[in-house]
């Protein structure tokens, strides 16, 4: 078994492609320009860059939520680049996404109970309703949400609670890979720390591989093993976080580091924030 769970080679994504003479592609806006990325089993990889750098498009391409116009994507040894949707469907459970805006990804008409129970039944991970309810109760406890949340709708929860529901929904399906797209950008600092610590614990306990998309290098440093720095749809720097943060290979990475509103990138801020929350 290969150590690499997900690899992408030479990935290009073009939006708005039209058909010209002789049916050949023409026009369109190329967002990704030959991106290479690999994610090992049990590894958390950061994808960082400014708005418009292509990091979210890359994440969606890895999950086949957008189609690549060039390149190859392999998941657990299978080439999924052009796999048909019926053949992709069994892999969908193993490749989950936690969205930036949980309100947009949670059905407002459904209770949290239905949002969490239905995917278990749909994917055959619970033989009956009682088993599904038991598993949902267990994951709710893991993400520190009260049982009373089950009978509420998404709009009745806080932003941090909704994000925990999103994490619970992904974890319930026992995925191999999770893509987390800017999931703490709309939360206050203390709630950010709680959500990130939860994600770290679940990733370690479940052996998840994860890609964490963010514009915040302090967040990337706190939870990621390696990082890819993107600019204008290309990777301009990559490697272990310690190396990239200590000796960036790109002037753009140095610019991002200089923009952090702290004297130095602090890898311990997450732990200290949680300690202060516990003390309070």
Protein backbone atom coordinates (compact mmCIF):
# COMPACT_ATOMS: atom_id res chain seq x y z
CA UNK A 1 0.00 0.00 0.00
CA UNK A 2 1.37 3.40 -1.00
CA UNK A 3 2.00 5.97 1.72
CA UNK A 4 0.31 8.59 -0.45
CA UNK A 5 -3.47 8.68 -0.27
CA UNK A 6 -4.16 11.54 -2.67
CA UNK A 7 -1.90 12.89 -5.42
CA UNK A 8 -2.48 15.46 -8.12
CA UNK A 9 -0.07 16.08 -10.99
CA UNK A 10 -0.17 18.95 -13.47
CA UNK A 11 -3.69 20.02 -12.48
CA UNK A 12 -5.28 22.77 -14.53
CA UNK A 13 -8.79 24.15 -14.12
CA UNK A 14 -10.36 26.51 -16.63
CA UNK A 15 -13.72 28.19 -16.06
CA UNK A 16 -16.00 29.39 -18.82
CA UNK A 17 -14.52 27.23 -21.56
CA UNK A 18 -16.26 27.66 -24.90
CA UNK A 19 -16.18 25.61 -28.09
CA UNK A 20 -14.56 27.21 -31.11
CA UNK A 21 -14.02 26.06 -34.69
CA UNK A 22 -13.94 22.32 -35.28
CA UNK A 23 -15.26 21.79 -31.74
CA UNK A 24 -11.92 22.67 -30.14
CA UNK A 25 -11.90 24.36 -26.71
CA UNK A 26 -11.50 28.11 -26.83
CA UNK A 27 -11.56 31.01 -24.42
CA UNK A 28 -12.20 30.61 -20.72
CA UNK A 29 -10.29 31.71 -17.64
CA UNK A 30 -7.54 29.41 -16.41
CA UNK A 31 -7.46 29.36 -12.61
CA UNK A 32 -4.93 26.58 -11.93
CA UNK A 33 -1.70 26.26 -13.90
CA UNK A 34 -0.15 22.82 -13.58
CA UNK A 35 -0.40 22.24 -9.82
CA UNK A 36 1.28 19.23 -8.17
CA UNK A 37 0.26 18.19 -4.65
CA UNK A 38 0.42 15.03 -2.56
CA UNK A 39 -1.20 14.10 0.76
CA UNK A 40 0.02 11.11 2.74
CA UNK A 41 -2.10 8.86 4.92
CA UNK A 42 -2.74 10.43 8.31
CA UNK A 43 -1.16 13.73 7.26
CA UNK A 44 -2.59 17.25 7.52
CA UNK A 45 -1.50 19.50 4.68
CA UNK A 46 -2.08 23.24 4.55
CA UNK A 47 -2.98 25.08 1.35
CA UNK A 48 -2.46 28.79 1.85
CA UNK A 49 -2.63 31.94 -0.25
CA UNK A 50 -4.44 35.20 -0.73
CA UNK A 51 -7.97 35.49 -2.11
CA UNK A 52 -7.88 34.58 -5.78
CA UNK A 53 -4.79 32.39 -5.46
CA UNK A 54 -6.70 29.29 -6.56
CA UNK A 55 -6.57 27.39 -3.27
CA UNK A 56 -10.32 26.74 -3.02
CA UNK A 57 -10.50 25.72 -6.69
CA UNK A 58 -7.64 23.28 -6.05
CA UNK A 59 -9.49 21.78 -3.08
CA UNK A 60 -12.67 21.32 -5.09
CA UNK A 61 -10.71 19.79 -7.96
CA UNK A 62 -9.16 17.24 -5.58
CA UNK A 63 -12.69 16.17 -4.57
CA UNK A 64 -13.89 16.22 -8.18
CA UNK A 65 -16.41 18.95 -7.36
CA UNK A 66 -14.96 20.83 -10.35
CA UNK A 67 -13.44 19.15 -13.38
CA UNK A 68 -9.79 19.47 -14.31
CA UNK A 69 -8.95 20.54 -17.84
CA UNK A 70 -5.53 18.88 -17.61
CA UNK A 71 -3.53 16.74 -15.21
CA UNK A 72 -4.16 13.61 -13.16
CA UNK A 73 -5.73 13.01 -9.74
CA UNK A 74 -5.27 9.67 -7.98
CA UNK A 75 -7.08 8.64 -4.79
CA UNK A 76 -5.88 5.52 -2.98
CA UNK A 77 -4.28 4.27 -6.18
CA UNK A 78 -7.31 4.92 -8.42
CA UNK A 79 -7.21 7.50 -11.20
CA UNK A 80 -10.33 9.59 -10.53
CA UNK A 81 -9.56 12.45 -12.94
CA UNK A 82 -12.33 11.57 -15.37
CA UNK A 83 -14.21 8.92 -13.40
CA UNK A 84 -17.94 8.95 -14.14
CA UNK A 85 -20.26 10.04 -11.33
CA UNK A 86 -21.71 6.54 -10.82
CA UNK A 87 -18.16 5.23 -10.34
CA UNK A 88 -17.23 8.20 -8.13
CA UNK A 89 -20.25 7.70 -5.87
CA UNK A 90 -18.72 4.90 -3.71
CA UNK A 91 -15.69 7.15 -3.14
CA UNK A 92 -17.73 10.17 -2.06
CA UNK A 93 -18.19 8.83 1.46
CA UNK A 94 -14.40 8.47 1.79
CA UNK A 95 -13.76 12.05 0.62
CA UNK A 96 -15.58 14.60 2.75
CA UNK A 97 -15.62 18.39 2.83
CA UNK A 98 -16.19 20.82 5.70
CA UNK A 99 -17.40 24.09 4.25
CA UNK A 100 -16.45 27.66 5.14
CA UNK A 101 -20.07 28.71 5.65
CA UNK A 102 -21.97 26.02 7.57
CA UNK A 103 -25.28 27.86 7.07
CA UNK A 104 -24.92 27.37 3.31
CA UNK A 105 -24.08 23.66 3.64
CA UNK A 106 -26.73 22.66 6.21
CA UNK A 107 -30.32 22.34 5.04
CA UNK A 108 -32.21 25.09 6.93
CA UNK A 109 -35.44 23.08 6.85
CA UNK A 110 -33.96 20.02 8.52
CA UNK A 111 -33.23 19.46 12.18
CA UNK A 112 -29.66 18.64 13.22
CA UNK A 113 -30.88 15.12 14.00
CA UNK A 114 -32.01 14.59 10.41
CA UNK A 115 -28.87 16.23 9.00
CA UNK A 116 -26.68 13.75 10.90
CA UNK A 117 -28.83 10.60 10.77
CA UNK A 118 -29.76 10.57 7.09
CA UNK A 119 -26.20 10.29 5.67
CA UNK A 120 -25.54 7.27 7.91
CA UNK A 121 -28.61 5.49 6.54
CA UNK A 122 -27.92 6.60 2.97
CA UNK A 123 -24.39 5.17 2.97
CA UNK A 124 -25.37 2.00 4.82
CA UNK A 125 -23.27 2.80 7.90
CA UNK A 126 -26.15 2.18 10.29
CA UNK A 127 -28.41 -0.88 10.00
CA UNK A 128 -31.40 0.84 11.58
CA UNK A 129 -32.59 4.12 13.06
CA UNK A 130 -31.65 3.12 16.60
CA UNK A 131 -28.05 2.40 15.60
CA UNK A 132 -27.86 5.68 13.70
CA UNK A 133 -29.19 7.61 16.71
CA UNK A 134 -26.62 5.95 18.97
CA UNK A 135 -23.76 6.88 16.65
CA UNK A 136 -25.02 10.45 16.33
CA UNK A 137 -25.23 10.82 20.11
CA UNK A 138 -21.65 9.59 20.45
CA UNK A 139 -20.24 12.01 17.85
CA UNK A 140 -22.23 14.88 19.36
CA UNK A 141 -20.48 14.22 22.65
CA UNK A 142 -17.12 14.16 20.86
CA UNK A 143 -17.70 17.57 19.32
CA UNK A 144 -19.00 18.95 22.64
CA UNK A 145 -22.53 19.75 21.51
CA UNK A 146 -25.49 19.24 23.88
CA UNK A 147 -28.10 16.64 22.95
CA UNK A 148 -30.69 19.44 22.84
CA UNK A 149 -29.12 20.60 19.57
CA UNK A 150 -30.52 17.56 17.77
CA UNK A 151 -34.03 18.98 17.66
CA UNK A 152 -32.96 22.45 16.55
CA UNK A 153 -32.53 23.84 13.05
CA UNK A 154 -29.21 25.31 11.89
CA UNK A 155 -30.31 28.94 12.32
CA UNK A 156 -30.93 28.25 16.03
CA UNK A 157 -27.25 27.46 16.64
CA UNK A 158 -24.23 29.74 16.95
CA UNK A 159 -21.58 29.86 14.23
CA UNK A 160 -19.21 27.71 16.27
CA UNK A 161 -21.95 25.15 16.96
CA UNK A 162 -22.87 24.98 13.28
CA UNK A 163 -19.23 24.39 12.37
CA UNK A 164 -19.10 21.54 14.91
CA UNK A 165 -22.16 20.02 13.24
CA UNK A 166 -20.30 20.20 9.92
CA UNK A 167 -17.30 18.43 11.45
CA UNK A 168 -19.57 15.81 13.06
CA UNK A 169 -21.33 15.14 9.76
CA UNK A 170 -18.00 14.55 8.00
CA UNK A 171 -16.55 12.39 10.80
CA UNK A 172 -19.69 10.21 11.04
CA UNK A 173 -19.08 8.87 7.53
CA UNK A 174 -15.66 7.50 8.51
CA UNK A 175 -13.80 9.19 5.63
CA UNK A 176 -10.16 8.67 4.68
CA UNK A 177 -9.74 12.26 3.49
CA UNK A 178 -11.29 15.54 4.65
CA UNK A 179 -11.01 18.92 2.97
CA UNK A 180 -11.56 21.84 5.36
CA UNK A 181 -12.05 25.12 3.50
CA UNK A 182 -11.49 28.27 5.61
CA UNK A 183 -13.63 26.72 8.34
CA UNK A 184 -12.60 29.11 11.14
CA UNK A 185 -12.38 32.38 9.20
CA UNK A 186 -15.77 33.64 10.41
CA UNK A 187 -15.31 32.68 14.08
CA UNK A 188 -13.91 34.63 17.01
CA UNK A 189 -10.43 33.68 18.22
CA UNK A 190 -11.49 31.55 21.19
CA UNK A 191 -14.03 29.61 19.10
CA UNK A 192 -11.37 29.17 16.39
CA UNK A 193 -9.09 27.53 18.93
CA UNK A 194 -11.83 25.18 20.13
CA UNK A 195 -12.76 24.10 16.59
CA UNK A 196 -9.11 23.62 15.55
CA UNK A 197 -8.32 21.54 18.63
CA UNK A 198 -11.38 19.41 17.96
CA UNK A 199 -10.27 18.87 14.38
CA UNK A 200 -6.75 17.91 15.49
CA UNK A 201 -8.11 15.38 18.00
CA UNK A 202 -10.50 13.79 15.51
CA UNK A 203 -7.82 13.65 12.82
CA UNK A 204 -5.43 11.85 15.19
CA UNK A 205 -8.08 9.49 16.60
CA UNK A 206 -9.55 8.53 13.22
CA UNK A 207 -6.28 8.51 11.26
CA UNK A 208 -7.63 11.06 8.77
CA UNK A 209 -5.72 12.65 5.96
CA UNK A 210 -6.70 16.29 5.70
CA UNK A 211 -6.17 19.31 3.47
CA UNK A 212 -6.70 22.55 5.37
CA UNK A 213 -7.30 25.63 3.22
CA UNK A 214 -6.65 28.98 4.88
CA UNK A 215 -5.25 32.46 4.33
CA UNK A 216 -3.99 32.48 7.94
CA UNK A 217 -0.46 31.15 8.36
CA UNK A 218 -0.78 31.03 12.15
CA UNK A 219 -3.66 28.55 11.78
CA UNK A 220 -1.69 26.51 9.22
CA UNK A 221 1.34 26.36 11.53
CA UNK A 222 -0.83 25.22 14.45
CA UNK A 223 -2.35 22.13 12.83
CA UNK A 224 -0.48 21.19 9.62
CA UNK A 225 2.51 18.94 8.94
CA UNK A 226 3.29 20.39 5.52
CA UNK A 227 2.16 23.44 3.59
CA UNK A 228 1.67 24.47 -0.04
CA UNK A 229 1.78 28.21 -0.75
CA UNK A 230 -0.22 29.28 -3.80
CA UNK A 231 -0.18 32.42 -5.91
CA UNK A 232 -1.98 33.07 -9.20
CA UNK A 233 -2.96 29.42 -9.54
CA UNK A 234 0.54 28.02 -9.02
CA UNK A 235 2.46 26.53 -6.10
CA UNK A 236 5.30 28.93 -5.26
CA UNK A 237 6.55 27.23 -2.09
CA UNK A 238 6.00 23.90 -0.36
CA UNK A 239 7.49 21.70 2.31
CA UNK A 240 7.35 20.93 6.04
CA UNK A 241 5.86 23.84 7.97
CA UNK A 242 9.00 24.32 10.08
CA UNK A 243 11.18 24.70 6.99
CA UNK A 244 8.79 26.93 5.03
CA UNK A 245 8.22 29.25 7.99
CA UNK A 246 11.90 29.42 8.98
CA UNK A 247 13.39 29.68 5.48
CA UNK A 248 10.76 30.47 2.83
CA UNK A 249 11.91 29.73 -0.70
CA UNK A 250 9.63 32.37 -2.23
CA UNK A 251 9.51 36.13 -1.75
CA UNK A 252 5.72 35.80 -1.78
CA UNK A 253 5.82 33.43 1.22
CA UNK A 254 8.02 35.95 3.05
CA UNK A 255 5.47 38.66 2.25
CA UNK A 256 2.67 36.52 3.73
CA UNK A 257 4.75 35.89 6.86
CA UNK A 258 5.47 39.60 7.22
CA UNK A 259 1.74 40.32 7.03
CA UNK A 260 0.93 38.22 10.12
CA UNK A 261 -0.10 40.65 12.91
CA UNK A 262 2.33 39.07 15.39
CA UNK A 263 6.09 39.67 15.88
CA UNK A 264 6.70 36.02 14.99
CA UNK A 265 4.58 33.08 13.88
CA UNK A 266 3.68 31.38 17.15
CA UNK A 267 3.08 27.61 16.90
CA UNK A 268 1.94 27.45 20.55
CA UNK A 269 -0.88 30.01 20.39
CA UNK A 270 -3.54 27.34 19.97
CA UNK A 271 -2.56 25.44 23.11
CA UNK A 272 -2.29 28.57 25.22
CA UNK A 273 -5.65 29.81 24.00
CA UNK A 274 -7.28 26.54 25.06
CA UNK A 275 -5.55 26.67 28.48
CA UNK A 276 -6.85 30.19 29.08
CA UNK A 277 -10.37 29.09 28.06
CA UNK A 278 -10.23 26.15 30.50
CA UNK A 279 -9.01 28.41 33.30
CA UNK A 280 -11.88 30.83 32.69
